[in-house]
Amino acid sequence: MTPTRMTRTPETPTPTLPRVNTLMKVEIPGTRNPLASRVEDLDGSAVTIAAPDDRGTAAIGTVVTLRWSCDLGVCAVRGVVARVVERPFEMWIVRTEHQPRVMQPRAHERVSRALEVTVDVVDRQPPVRFTAESVDLARGGLRLVTHDWVLLEHGDELRLRLGREEPPAIAAGRALQPVRTRDVLEFSVELRTPVPERAGLLLRRLARLAADEAPVTRGWRR
């Protein structure tokens, strides 16, 4: 009889509805550009979002598509505005119609890890500098949030100092899909390759630490 052994089997991730405070973009038929918003509440398949600042009150029954960044990539779900709440500020209650889908999968697996990052927007004169914190990171990029008031555009060239180690871990990248909701700016960074050695080593080390701390399922395999 062949002996059995216990193996560590990682959980298979599947997209879920966004968490409260997740920044997102709202696509509405007939609107040229997606609108910035944020998740205010969740109730089953209903997602309550802040009404975008540059959009009037939505009509009940308006079809919308919600897009946001998650560990798996860019996720999206379609829904219908079922109700509009006006206090304490205008919010839309969107009844989603199906499970979220991953629209743009990531090339590298991302892990949740907080890391202080100093960001220089290098194609501005003079360069703009601000401080951000990572929401998640991988070998190929990061997702960052900042409370600093800075104007950031999709495609802006960035110089990043990762953490506070000496000598510094420096990398270059470009900003992707910046979304501002009130006092929070969230954006992704695609790192330029090849990633400098110190920055690459730091990202790999943090990814390994996060993976070691992640829960695993145990199963029997023959």
Foldseek 3Di string as FASTA:
>chain_A
DDDWDKDWAADDDDDADDDFQFWKWKDFPPDDDTFIWTFHDDDPQKTKIADGPPDPDDDFFGKMKIWGQDQFGIKIFIWTFHDWDPPPHIITITRTDDGIDHPDGDPWGKFADWWKKWKWQVPDVVIDIDIWIFRIDALFWTKTKDLDDDDFDFFGKMWMFIHDDPVTQIWIWTWHDWHDDVRMIITMTGTDPPRDDVNNVVRVVRVVVRVVVDDTDMDMDD
